[in-house]
Structure formats: structure tokens, C-alpha cells
Amino acid sequence: MKFSDVEQILGSLDKLPTLPVIYTKLLRLLQSPDSTIHAISNIIAEDQVIAAKVLQFVNSAFYGFPQRIGSLQRAIVILGFNAIKNLVLATSVWDLFQKVQAGHQFNKESFWKHSIGCAVASRVLAEAADLKNPEDVFTGGLLHDIGKIIQAGYFADQFNRVIDLVDQTGLPMVEAEKRVFGFDHAQIGTAVATRWRFPQETVNMIALHHLSNGTTGLNKTIAAVHIGNVLAMALGLGYSGEKHVPFVHDKAWETLGLGLGSLELVMDKVVKLYKENISILESS
């Protein structure tokens, strides 16, 4: 199915989810040359839950500061703008998941945990490969399966058939989705991310994370999300809906430039950071 056809399907839906106001305000400010730490702090302070999570992150064992950080502005300086943006995005995505009325076979909490697992694994891989901005790869990992939320929320009966088909046949979800819907979650996720005006790099990570059409368009960021997705499944970080853990494409390893010898250290770090992220993001 062509992108224009998927766009037409989205256009026919009522009340398609939108990004929360706090995230769009923060994104707009971060893109402005006049943004200041004070202004960013003021936006975050508008949401007490997010403000508390920012302080929890900066005071976590990962950063290991001997004295507690109690200032939002100082936390922003330490964490960096991109990390703050992704923390707000992760919290916002969970709120979005909660609002979607999905079919009975779709476990939103397990799926959200898989999304966090993929995001963390993708970022750790990006750091190990010395990519320029691992936080951008975190975004791609977090949103890689956003199309499944649309399928589960707006096409619940068909999505339940997809899950049944995967359980009965062991087909990968993208193949089962194409049989039932005529399109897969990566295609619809691409259309949603385009509507939400995410950067093209993020859209590409969502569109190509399965490498379903081979290695066309493959680059290091896409390779990190592709491997991060498989790694999250292999480590049992949440549940993506797949019956079997897929293979990593050989070209993805080659493109990312990591040796298999680094995998054990990567996995240890992924599990540690995943547990820390989930613990903070699940707190209210």
C-alpha cells in the first residue's frame, strides 16, 4: 500500500491522537534561538508530574551526584536539552497510550515497556557506536511501533485478528498486518510521525526499523533502532506482540560498526538503564 493510501486512511479517522501541549511547547522553544534554561524550566514546571520525574532522573544512581539536585534549572543543565525533551516525550507517550481504547488482546502497559526498552537499547547502541546524538535515536526507538497504537485503538477487531494470526502461525507482525489490513504498523507510524511534524530522520527510523524491504535507506541511526528493537525483545523488556524474536539483519551490524564482542556490555547497560527508566516513569 502506498503512503498516500495510508494517509487517506488516517484522514478518515475521528480524533486522531495529537502530541500533548507541554511537548509541543517545549519542542517549539528548543527550536528557537532565543530559548533559555529559565524558559524551559518554566514550561516543565507547568506539569508537576514531569517536573518530579526530571528531578528523579538527575538524582538517580546513573548520575551519582553526592548531593541531591533540587533545582529544575540545574537539572536541565546536567541532563541536557535533548534528554529533557525525551523524558517529556516518554511521559507524554504513556499518557497517549492510556487514552487509547484498545482491543482486549492488546496490553498497553507491556507494549509501552517494550517501547521504552527499544528506546533505551537504541540509545545505548548509538552511544557505543559514537553516533552524534544518541538522544535522537532514543526518540526513534520510543516511537518505532507507534503505528500499533493506531491499529489497536482504531481498528481493534482487525488488530485482534492480527494477534490471533501471529499466535497461530508464528508470522512476524508486519506480515500478519499486511494480510489483515493491507498495510503494516511501520507504514501507519510513518504517516502519524509525519503529521506530528517529527524530523525526517525520526520518521525514517520508524519507517525502516524492520528493514522489511532490505537495506534501502539503511544508515547508522536506523541500524541502531533495528538492533535495539530485537535486543529489547530478546531481553524480555516488555512485549511487542511478536511470537518469536526476529534475527538482526547482518547489514545492520555492519552499518553500525559494532563488534559482537561489545554486545555483553551493551546488554548489561541496557537492562540497568531500562529498570531505572521504568521505575521513574511508572512513579506518579
C-alpha atoms as a PDB file:
ATOM      1  CA  MET A   1       0.000   0.000   0.000  1.00  0.00           C
ATOM      2  CA  LYS A   2       1.296   3.449  -0.941  1.00  0.00           C
ATOM      3  CA  PHE A   3       1.996   6.198   1.605  1.00  0.00           C
ATOM      4  CA  SER A   4      -0.824   8.319   0.119  1.00  0.00           C
ATOM      5  CA  ASP A   5      -3.286   5.448   0.727  1.00  0.00           C
ATOM      6  CA  VAL A   6      -2.238   5.170   4.386  1.00  0.00           C
ATOM      7  CA  GLU A   7      -2.544   8.967   4.708  1.00  0.00           C
ATOM      8  CA  GLN A   8      -6.074   8.732   3.331  1.00  0.00           C
ATOM      9  CA  ILE A   9      -6.964   6.108   5.944  1.00  0.00           C
ATOM     10  CA  LEU A  10      -5.627   8.352   8.723  1.00  0.00           C
ATOM     11  CA  GLY A  11      -7.569  11.293   7.313  1.00  0.00           C
ATOM     12  CA  SER A  12     -10.799   9.332   7.631  1.00  0.00           C
ATOM     13  CA  LEU A  13     -10.334   8.721  11.370  1.00  0.00           C
ATOM     14  CA  ASP A  14     -12.018  10.827  14.023  1.00  0.00           C
ATOM     15  CA  LYS A  15      -9.917  12.399  16.764  1.00  0.00           C
ATOM     16  CA  LEU A  16      -6.509  11.108  15.739  1.00  0.00           C
ATOM     17  CA  PRO A  17      -4.180  11.483  18.752  1.00  0.00           C
ATOM     18  CA  THR A  18      -2.149  14.670  18.953  1.00  0.00           C
ATOM     19  CA  LEU A  19       1.029  15.336  20.880  1.00  0.00           C
ATOM     20  CA  PRO A  20       0.426  16.804  24.353  1.00  0.00           C
ATOM     21  CA  VAL A  21       0.616  20.581  24.662  1.00  0.00           C
ATOM     22  CA  ILE A  22       3.611  20.544  27.022  1.00  0.00           C
ATOM     23  CA  TYR A  23       5.700  18.587  24.497  1.00  0.00           C
ATOM     24  CA  THR A  24       4.808  20.805  21.536  1.00  0.00           C
ATOM     25  CA  LYS A  25       5.522  23.936  23.616  1.00  0.00           C
ATOM     26  CA  LEU A  26       8.874  22.522  24.718  1.00  0.00           C
ATOM     27  CA  LEU A  27       9.791  21.467  21.181  1.00  0.00           C
ATOM     28  CA  ARG A  28       8.934  24.918  19.822  1.00  0.00           C
ATOM     29  CA  LEU A  29      11.055  26.574  22.494  1.00  0.00           C
ATOM     30  CA  LEU A  30      14.035  24.249  21.946  1.00  0.00           C
ATOM     31  CA  GLN A  31      13.959  25.069  18.229  1.00  0.00           C
ATOM     32  CA  SER A  32      14.110  28.800  18.969  1.00  0.00           C
ATOM     33  CA  PRO A  33      17.496  30.539  19.047  1.00  0.00           C
ATOM     34  CA  ASP A  34      16.168  32.597  21.962  1.00  0.00           C
ATOM     35  CA  SER A  35      15.441  29.623  24.240  1.00  0.00           C
ATOM     36  CA  THR A  36      16.807  29.856  27.772  1.00  0.00           C
ATOM     37  CA  ILE A  37      17.123  27.394  30.624  1.00  0.00           C
ATOM     38  CA  HIS A  38      14.786  29.612  32.649  1.00  0.00           C
ATOM     39  CA  ALA A  39      12.086  29.461  29.951  1.00  0.00           C
ATOM     40  CA  ILE A  40      12.430  25.678  29.576  1.00  0.00           C
ATOM     41  CA  SER A  41      12.227  25.287  33.347  1.00  0.00           C
ATOM     42  CA  ASN A  42       9.011  27.317  33.418  1.00  0.00           C
ATOM     43  CA  ILE A  43       7.372  25.043  30.830  1.00  0.00           C
ATOM     44  CA  ILE A  44       8.359  21.876  32.695  1.00  0.00           C
ATOM     45  CA  ALA A  45       7.155  23.366  35.987  1.00  0.00           C
ATOM     46  CA  GLU A  46       3.660  23.613  34.466  1.00  0.00           C
ATOM     47  CA  ASP A  47       3.372  19.815  34.849  1.00  0.00           C
ATOM     48  CA  GLN A  48       4.182  18.713  38.388  1.00  0.00           C
ATOM     49  CA  VAL A  49       4.441  15.030  37.429  1.00  0.00           C
ATOM     50  CA  ILE A  50       7.006  15.702  34.687  1.00  0.00           C
ATOM     51  CA  ALA A  51       8.926  18.143  36.896  1.00  0.00           C
ATOM     52  CA  ALA A  52       9.173  15.463  39.592  1.00  0.00           C
ATOM     53  CA  LYS A  53      10.423  12.890  37.080  1.00  0.00           C
ATOM     54  CA  VAL A  54      13.134  15.271  35.832  1.00  0.00           C
ATOM     55  CA  LEU A  55      14.427  15.610  39.398  1.00  0.00           C
ATOM     56  CA  GLN A  56      14.180  11.842  39.943  1.00  0.00           C
ATOM     57  CA  PHE A  57      16.283  11.218  36.831  1.00  0.00           C
ATOM     58  CA  VAL A  58      19.009  13.678  37.718  1.00  0.00           C
ATOM     59  CA  ASN A  59      19.193  12.257  41.250  1.00  0.00           C
ATOM     60  CA  SER A  60      19.250   8.631  40.067  1.00  0.00           C
ATOM     61  CA  ALA A  61      22.190   6.288  40.625  1.00  0.00           C
ATOM     62  CA  PHE A  62      23.173   6.662  36.960  1.00  0.00           C
ATOM     63  CA  TYR A  63      24.377  10.240  37.560  1.00  0.00           C
ATOM     64  CA  GLY A  64      25.610   9.556  41.090  1.00  0.00           C
ATOM     65  CA  PHE A  65      25.802  13.115  42.453  1.00  0.00           C
ATOM     66  CA  PRO A  66      26.821  13.171  46.144  1.00  0.00           C
ATOM     67  CA  GLN A  67      24.297  15.920  46.930  1.00  0.00           C
ATOM     68  CA  ARG A  68      20.657  15.987  45.914  1.00  0.00           C
ATOM     69  CA  ILE A  69      19.778  18.277  42.974  1.00  0.00           C
ATOM     70  CA  GLY A  70      16.642  20.211  43.899  1.00  0.00           C
ATOM     71  CA  SER A  71      16.594  22.861  41.171  1.00  0.00           C
ATOM     72  CA  LEU A  72      14.866  22.248  37.843  1.00  0.00           C
ATOM     73  CA  GLN A  73      17.207  24.679  36.110  1.00  0.00           C
ATOM     74  CA  ARG A  74      20.295  22.858  37.386  1.00  0.00           C
ATOM     75  CA  ALA A  75      18.754  19.507  36.407  1.00  0.00           C
ATOM     76  CA  ILE A  76      18.224  20.807  32.865  1.00  0.00           C
ATOM     77  CA  VAL A  77      21.861  21.886  32.634  1.00  0.00           C
ATOM     78  CA  ILE A  78      23.067  18.465  33.821  1.00  0.00           C
ATOM     79  CA  LEU A  79      20.716  16.324  31.718  1.00  0.00           C
ATOM     80  CA  GLY A  80      20.856  18.458  28.570  1.00  0.00           C
ATOM     81  CA  PHE A  81      18.041  19.737  26.369  1.00  0.00           C
ATOM     82  CA  ASN A  82      17.643  16.552  24.318  1.00  0.00           C
ATOM     83  CA  ALA A  83      17.428  14.274  27.355  1.00  0.00           C
ATOM     84  CA  ILE A  84      14.796  16.583  28.857  1.00  0.00           C
ATOM     85  CA  LYS A  85      12.853  16.533  25.585  1.00  0.00           C
ATOM     86  CA  ASN A  86      12.861  12.730  25.524  1.00  0.00           C
ATOM     87  CA  LEU A  87      11.803  12.458  29.162  1.00  0.00           C
ATOM     88  CA  VAL A  88       8.816  14.697  28.423  1.00  0.00           C
ATOM     89  CA  LEU A  89       8.110  12.697  25.258  1.00  0.00           C
ATOM     90  CA  ALA A  90       8.247   9.340  27.088  1.00  0.00           C
ATOM     91  CA  THR A  91       5.815  10.600  29.734  1.00  0.00           C
ATOM     92  CA  SER A  92       3.577  12.089  27.051  1.00  0.00           C
ATOM     93  CA  VAL A  93       3.562   8.874  25.007  1.00  0.00           C
ATOM     94  CA  TRP A  94       2.470   6.899  28.079  1.00  0.00           C
ATOM     95  CA  ASP A  95      -0.392   9.371  28.621  1.00  0.00           C
ATOM     96  CA  LEU A  96      -1.320   8.918  24.951  1.00  0.00           C
ATOM     97  CA  PHE A  97      -1.305   5.125  25.316  1.00  0.00           C
ATOM     98  CA  GLN A  98      -3.591   5.406  28.337  1.00  0.00           C
ATOM     99  CA  LYS A  99      -6.194   7.384  26.398  1.00  0.00           C
ATOM    100  CA  VAL A 100      -6.412   4.918  23.517  1.00  0.00           C
ATOM    101  CA  GLN A 101      -9.289   2.448  23.905  1.00  0.00           C
ATOM    102  CA  ALA A 102      -7.589  -0.667  22.563  1.00  0.00           C
ATOM    103  CA  GLY A 103      -8.957  -4.160  21.971  1.00  0.00           C
ATOM    104  CA  HIS A 104      -8.940  -6.698  24.788  1.00  0.00           C
ATOM    105  CA  GLN A 105      -5.912  -8.546  23.413  1.00  0.00           C
ATOM    106  CA  PHE A 106      -3.643  -5.505  23.493  1.00  0.00           C
ATOM    107  CA  ASN A 107      -1.734  -4.945  26.741  1.00  0.00           C
ATOM    108  CA  LYS A 108      -0.847  -1.259  26.655  1.00  0.00           C
ATOM    109  CA  GLU A 109       1.458  -1.386  29.667  1.00  0.00           C
ATOM    110  CA  SER A 110       3.557  -4.269  28.299  1.00  0.00           C
ATOM    111  CA  PHE A 111       3.708  -2.581  24.916  1.00  0.00           C
ATOM    112  CA  TRP A 112       4.780   0.732  26.455  1.00  0.00           C
ATOM    113  CA  LYS A 113       7.523  -1.091  28.350  1.00  0.00           C
ATOM    114  CA  HIS A 114       8.727  -2.590  25.066  1.00  0.00           C
ATOM    115  CA  SER A 115       8.800   0.911  23.556  1.00  0.00           C
ATOM    116  CA  ILE A 116      10.934   2.146  26.481  1.00  0.00           C
ATOM    117  CA  GLY A 117      13.144  -0.947  26.189  1.00  0.00           C
ATOM    118  CA  CYS A 118      13.716  -0.335  22.481  1.00  0.00           C
ATOM    119  CA  ALA A 119      14.392   3.364  23.111  1.00  0.00           C
ATOM    120  CA  VAL A 120      16.968   2.629  25.823  1.00  0.00           C
ATOM    121  CA  ALA A 121      18.637  -0.145  23.793  1.00  0.00           C
ATOM    122  CA  SER A 122      18.770   2.044  20.678  1.00  0.00           C
ATOM    123  CA  ARG A 123      20.379   4.894  22.613  1.00  0.00           C
ATOM    124  CA  VAL A 124      22.951   2.605  24.282  1.00  0.00           C
ATOM    125  CA  LEU A 125      23.872   1.160  20.874  1.00  0.00           C
ATOM    126  CA  ALA A 126      24.133   4.678  19.425  1.00  0.00           C
ATOM    127  CA  GLU A 127      26.459   5.692  22.267  1.00  0.00           C
ATOM    128  CA  ALA A 128      28.586   2.565  21.800  1.00  0.00           C
ATOM    129  CA  ALA A 129      28.881   3.373  18.092  1.00  0.00           C
ATOM    130  CA  ASP A 130      29.790   7.031  18.857  1.00  0.00           C
ATOM    131  CA  LEU A 131      26.829   8.451  16.944  1.00  0.00           C
ATOM    132  CA  LYS A 132      26.472  12.214  17.066  1.00  0.00           C
ATOM    133  CA  ASN A 133      23.194  12.441  19.000  1.00  0.00           C
ATOM    134  CA  PRO A 134      22.074   9.263  20.782  1.00  0.00           C
ATOM    135  CA  GLU A 135      19.055  11.094  22.224  1.00  0.00           C
ATOM    136  CA  ASP A 136      17.588  11.427  18.714  1.00  0.00           C
ATOM    137  CA  VAL A 137      17.946   7.650  18.350  1.00  0.00           C
ATOM    138  CA  PHE A 138      16.102   7.266  21.671  1.00  0.00           C
ATOM    139  CA  THR A 139      13.182   9.155  20.105  1.00  0.00           C
ATOM    140  CA  GLY A 140      13.150   6.832  17.092  1.00  0.00           C
ATOM    141  CA  GLY A 141      13.228   3.790  19.376  1.00  0.00           C
ATOM    142  CA  LEU A 142      10.442   5.138  21.564  1.00  0.00           C
ATOM    143  CA  LEU A 143       8.140   5.773  18.601  1.00  0.00           C
ATOM    144  CA  HIS A 144       9.162   2.849  16.375  1.00  0.00           C
ATOM    145  CA  ASP A 145       5.886   0.946  16.947  1.00  0.00           C
ATOM    146  CA  ILE A 146       3.529   3.916  17.347  1.00  0.00           C
ATOM    147  CA  GLY A 147       1.528   2.571  14.391  1.00  0.00           C
ATOM    148  CA  LYS A 148       0.429  -0.396  16.527  1.00  0.00           C
ATOM    149  CA  ILE A 149      -1.323   2.012  18.910  1.00  0.00           C
ATOM    150  CA  ILE A 150      -3.335   3.415  15.995  1.00  0.00           C
ATOM    151  CA  GLN A 151      -4.176  -0.078  14.775  1.00  0.00           C
ATOM    152  CA  ALA A 152      -5.182  -1.278  18.255  1.00  0.00           C
ATOM    153  CA  GLY A 153      -7.177   1.852  19.082  1.00  0.00           C
ATOM    154  CA  TYR A 154      -8.981   2.493  15.806  1.00  0.00           C
ATOM    155  CA  PHE A 155      -9.138  -0.959  14.231  1.00  0.00           C
ATOM    156  CA  ALA A 156      -9.485  -3.140  17.337  1.00  0.00           C
ATOM    157  CA  ASP A 157     -11.276  -6.090  15.702  1.00  0.00           C
ATOM    158  CA  GLN A 158      -8.766  -6.322  12.843  1.00  0.00           C
ATOM    159  CA  PHE A 159      -5.842  -5.904  15.243  1.00  0.00           C
ATOM    160  CA  ASN A 160      -7.174  -8.756  17.380  1.00  0.00           C
ATOM    161  CA  ARG A 161      -7.178 -10.868  14.204  1.00  0.00           C
ATOM    162  CA  VAL A 162      -3.539  -9.888  13.631  1.00  0.00           C
ATOM    163  CA  ILE A 163      -2.610 -11.062  17.131  1.00  0.00           C
ATOM    164  CA  ASP A 164      -4.510 -14.321  16.608  1.00  0.00           C
ATOM    165  CA  LEU A 165      -2.758 -14.868  13.286  1.00  0.00           C
ATOM    166  CA  VAL A 166       0.666 -14.275  14.847  1.00  0.00           C
ATOM    167  CA  ASP A 167      -0.138 -16.679  17.702  1.00  0.00           C
ATOM    168  CA  GLN A 168      -1.463 -19.386  15.374  1.00  0.00           C
ATOM    169  CA  THR A 169       1.139 -19.187  12.602  1.00  0.00           C
ATOM    170  CA  GLY A 170       4.223 -17.544  14.114  1.00  0.00           C
ATOM    171  CA  LEU A 171       4.219 -14.944  11.344  1.00  0.00           C
ATOM    172  CA  PRO A 172       6.059 -11.677  12.049  1.00  0.00           C
ATOM    173  CA  MET A 173       3.548  -8.951  12.906  1.00  0.00           C
ATOM    174  CA  VAL A 174       4.339  -6.923   9.790  1.00  0.00           C
ATOM    175  CA  GLU A 175       3.340  -9.889   7.600  1.00  0.00           C
ATOM    176  CA  ALA A 176       0.189 -10.617   9.618  1.00  0.00           C
ATOM    177  CA  GLU A 177      -0.766  -6.922   9.469  1.00  0.00           C
ATOM    178  CA  LYS A 178      -0.397  -6.814   5.703  1.00  0.00           C
ATOM    179  CA  ARG A 179      -2.687  -9.840   5.373  1.00  0.00           C
ATOM    180  CA  VAL A 180      -5.369  -8.297   7.597  1.00  0.00           C
ATOM    181  CA  PHE A 181      -5.028  -4.554   6.954  1.00  0.00           C
ATOM    182  CA  GLY A 182      -3.170  -4.308   3.674  1.00  0.00           C
ATOM    183  CA  PHE A 183      -0.548  -2.145   5.426  1.00  0.00           C
ATOM    184  CA  ASP A 184       1.773  -2.585   8.423  1.00  0.00           C
ATOM    185  CA  HIS A 185       2.413  -0.625  11.618  1.00  0.00           C
ATOM    186  CA  ALA A 186       5.621   0.919  10.262  1.00  0.00           C
ATOM    187  CA  GLN A 187       3.684   2.473   7.364  1.00  0.00           C
ATOM    188  CA  ILE A 188       0.948   3.921   9.555  1.00  0.00           C
ATOM    189  CA  GLY A 189       3.500   5.018  12.170  1.00  0.00           C
ATOM    190  CA  THR A 190       5.386   6.865   9.438  1.00  0.00           C
ATOM    191  CA  ALA A 191       2.216   8.723   8.459  1.00  0.00           C
ATOM    192  CA  VAL A 192       1.460   9.635  12.094  1.00  0.00           C
ATOM    193  CA  ALA A 193       5.019  10.875  12.757  1.00  0.00           C
ATOM    194  CA  THR A 194       4.851  12.944   9.561  1.00  0.00           C
ATOM    195  CA  ARG A 195       1.590  14.508  10.735  1.00  0.00           C
ATOM    196  CA  TRP A 196       3.183  15.239  14.106  1.00  0.00           C
ATOM    197  CA  ARG A 197       5.982  17.018  12.220  1.00  0.00           C
ATOM    198  CA  PHE A 198       8.852  14.993  13.614  1.00  0.00           C
ATOM    199  CA  PRO A 199      12.215  15.427  11.836  1.00  0.00           C
ATOM    200  CA  GLN A 200      12.686  13.282   8.733  1.00  0.00           C
ATOM    201  CA  GLU A 201      15.416  11.299  10.498  1.00  0.00           C
ATOM    202  CA  THR A 202      12.902  10.227  13.164  1.00  0.00           C
ATOM    203  CA  VAL A 203      10.308   9.382  10.504  1.00  0.00           C
ATOM    204  CA  ASN A 204      12.887   7.225   8.701  1.00  0.00           C
ATOM    205  CA  MET A 205      13.740   5.294  11.879  1.00  0.00           C
ATOM    206  CA  ILE A 206      10.039   4.471  12.313  1.00  0.00           C
ATOM    207  CA  ALA A 207       9.541   3.621   8.628  1.00  0.00           C
ATOM    208  CA  LEU A 208      12.538   1.341   8.209  1.00  0.00           C
ATOM    209  CA  HIS A 209      13.181  -0.231  11.632  1.00  0.00           C
ATOM    210  CA  HIS A 210      12.197  -3.720  10.416  1.00  0.00           C
ATOM    211  CA  LEU A 211      14.268  -3.455   7.208  1.00  0.00           C
ATOM    212  CA  SER A 212      11.300  -5.200   5.564  1.00  0.00           C
ATOM    213  CA  ASN A 213      12.375  -4.023   2.125  1.00  0.00           C
ATOM    214  CA  GLY A 214      16.032  -4.902   2.532  1.00  0.00           C
ATOM    215  CA  THR A 215      18.717  -2.354   3.267  1.00  0.00           C
ATOM    216  CA  THR A 216      17.480   0.514   1.087  1.00  0.00           C
ATOM    217  CA  GLY A 217      17.942   3.719   3.082  1.00  0.00           C
ATOM    218  CA  LEU A 218      19.835   1.963   5.883  1.00  0.00           C
ATOM    219  CA  ASN A 219      22.093   4.214   7.957  1.00  0.00           C
ATOM    220  CA  LYS A 220      23.552   4.113  11.462  1.00  0.00           C
ATOM    221  CA  THR A 221      20.512   5.552  13.262  1.00  0.00           C
ATOM    222  CA  ILE A 222      18.126   3.110  11.557  1.00  0.00           C
ATOM    223  CA  ALA A 223      20.541   0.259  12.277  1.00  0.00           C
ATOM    224  CA  ALA A 224      20.604   1.216  15.982  1.00  0.00           C
ATOM    225  CA  VAL A 225      16.786   1.148  16.220  1.00  0.00           C
ATOM    226  CA  HIS A 226      16.569  -2.095  14.223  1.00  0.00           C
ATOM    227  CA  ILE A 227      19.053  -3.824  16.557  1.00  0.00           C
ATOM    228  CA  GLY A 228      17.617  -2.084  19.639  1.00  0.00           C
ATOM    229  CA  ASN A 229      14.155  -3.439  18.833  1.00  0.00           C
ATOM    230  CA  VAL A 230      15.452  -7.017  18.536  1.00  0.00           C
ATOM    231  CA  LEU A 231      17.579  -6.620  21.659  1.00  0.00           C
ATOM    232  CA  ALA A 232      14.594  -5.378  23.702  1.00  0.00           C
ATOM    233  CA  MET A 233      12.609  -8.443  22.607  1.00  0.00           C
ATOM    234  CA  ALA A 234      15.490 -10.842  23.289  1.00  0.00           C
ATOM    235  CA  LEU A 235      15.930  -9.395  26.793  1.00  0.00           C
ATOM    236  CA  GLY A 236      12.198  -9.597  27.518  1.00  0.00           C
ATOM    237  CA  LEU A 237      11.780  -5.850  28.043  1.00  0.00           C
ATOM    238  CA  GLY A 238       8.021  -5.516  27.745  1.00  0.00           C
ATOM    239  CA  TYR A 239       6.107  -7.246  24.958  1.00  0.00           C
ATOM    240  CA  SER A 240       5.858  -6.128  21.342  1.00  0.00           C
ATOM    241  CA  GLY A 241       3.275  -8.693  20.225  1.00  0.00           C
ATOM    242  CA  GLU A 242       5.756 -10.868  18.335  1.00  0.00           C
ATOM    243  CA  LYS A 243       5.696 -14.622  18.959  1.00  0.00           C
ATOM    244  CA  HIS A 244       9.363 -15.082  18.042  1.00  0.00           C
ATOM    245  CA  VAL A 245      12.421 -12.866  18.406  1.00  0.00           C
ATOM    246  CA  PRO A 246      13.469 -11.894  14.876  1.00  0.00           C
ATOM    247  CA  PHE A 247      17.009 -12.089  13.545  1.00  0.00           C
ATOM    248  CA  VAL A 248      19.191  -8.995  13.337  1.00  0.00           C
ATOM    249  CA  HIS A 249      19.965  -8.138   9.733  1.00  0.00           C
ATOM    250  CA  ASP A 250      23.675  -8.696   9.031  1.00  0.00           C
ATOM    251  CA  LYS A 251      23.947  -5.353   7.261  1.00  0.00           C
ATOM    252  CA  ALA A 252      22.625  -3.553  10.356  1.00  0.00           C
ATOM    253  CA  TRP A 253      25.552  -4.812  12.449  1.00  0.00           C
ATOM    254  CA  GLU A 254      27.935  -3.937   9.652  1.00  0.00           C
ATOM    255  CA  THR A 255      26.460  -0.442   9.237  1.00  0.00           C
ATOM    256  CA  LEU A 256      26.514   0.351  12.947  1.00  0.00           C
ATOM    257  CA  GLY A 257      30.135  -0.793  13.123  1.00  0.00           C
ATOM    258  CA  LEU A 258      29.953  -2.639  16.436  1.00  0.00           C
ATOM    259  CA  GLY A 259      31.643  -5.972  17.042  1.00  0.00           C
ATOM    260  CA  LEU A 260      29.737  -8.815  18.656  1.00  0.00           C
ATOM    261  CA  GLY A 261      32.292  -8.670  21.458  1.00  0.00           C
ATOM    262  CA  SER A 262      30.715  -5.429  22.708  1.00  0.00           C
ATOM    263  CA  LEU A 263      27.249  -6.980  22.942  1.00  0.00           C
ATOM    264  CA  GLU A 264      27.526  -8.261  26.522  1.00  0.00           C
ATOM    265  CA  LEU A 265      28.479  -4.837  27.879  1.00  0.00           C
ATOM    266  CA  VAL A 266      25.705  -3.229  25.819  1.00  0.00           C
ATOM    267  CA  MET A 267      23.119  -5.691  27.175  1.00  0.00           C
ATOM    268  CA  ASP A 268      24.195  -5.163  30.793  1.00  0.00           C
ATOM    269  CA  LYS A 269      23.877  -1.391  30.407  1.00  0.00           C
ATOM    270  CA  VAL A 270      20.520  -1.679  28.605  1.00  0.00           C
ATOM    271  CA  VAL A 271      18.977  -3.803  31.375  1.00  0.00           C
ATOM    272  CA  LYS A 272      20.255  -1.472  34.107  1.00  0.00           C
ATOM    273  CA  LEU A 273      19.038   1.710  32.394  1.00  0.00           C
ATOM    274  CA  TYR A 274      15.737   0.121  31.396  1.00  0.00           C
ATOM    275  CA  LYS A 275      14.934  -0.782  35.002  1.00  0.00           C
ATOM    276  CA  GLU A 276      15.871   2.716  36.123  1.00  0.00           C
ATOM    277  CA  ASN A 277      13.790   4.385  33.397  1.00  0.00           C
ATOM    278  CA  ILE A 278      10.736   2.220  34.056  1.00  0.00           C
ATOM    279  CA  SER A 279      10.966   2.770  37.816  1.00  0.00           C
ATOM    280  CA  ILE A 280      10.949   6.560  37.402  1.00  0.00           C
ATOM    281  CA  LEU A 281       8.442   6.749  34.540  1.00  0.00           C
ATOM    282  CA  GLU A 282       5.947   4.497  36.358  1.00  0.00           C
ATOM    283  CA  SER A 283       6.028   6.635  39.503  1.00  0.00           C
ATOM    284  CA  SER A 284       3.345   9.267  39.860  1.00  0.00           C
END
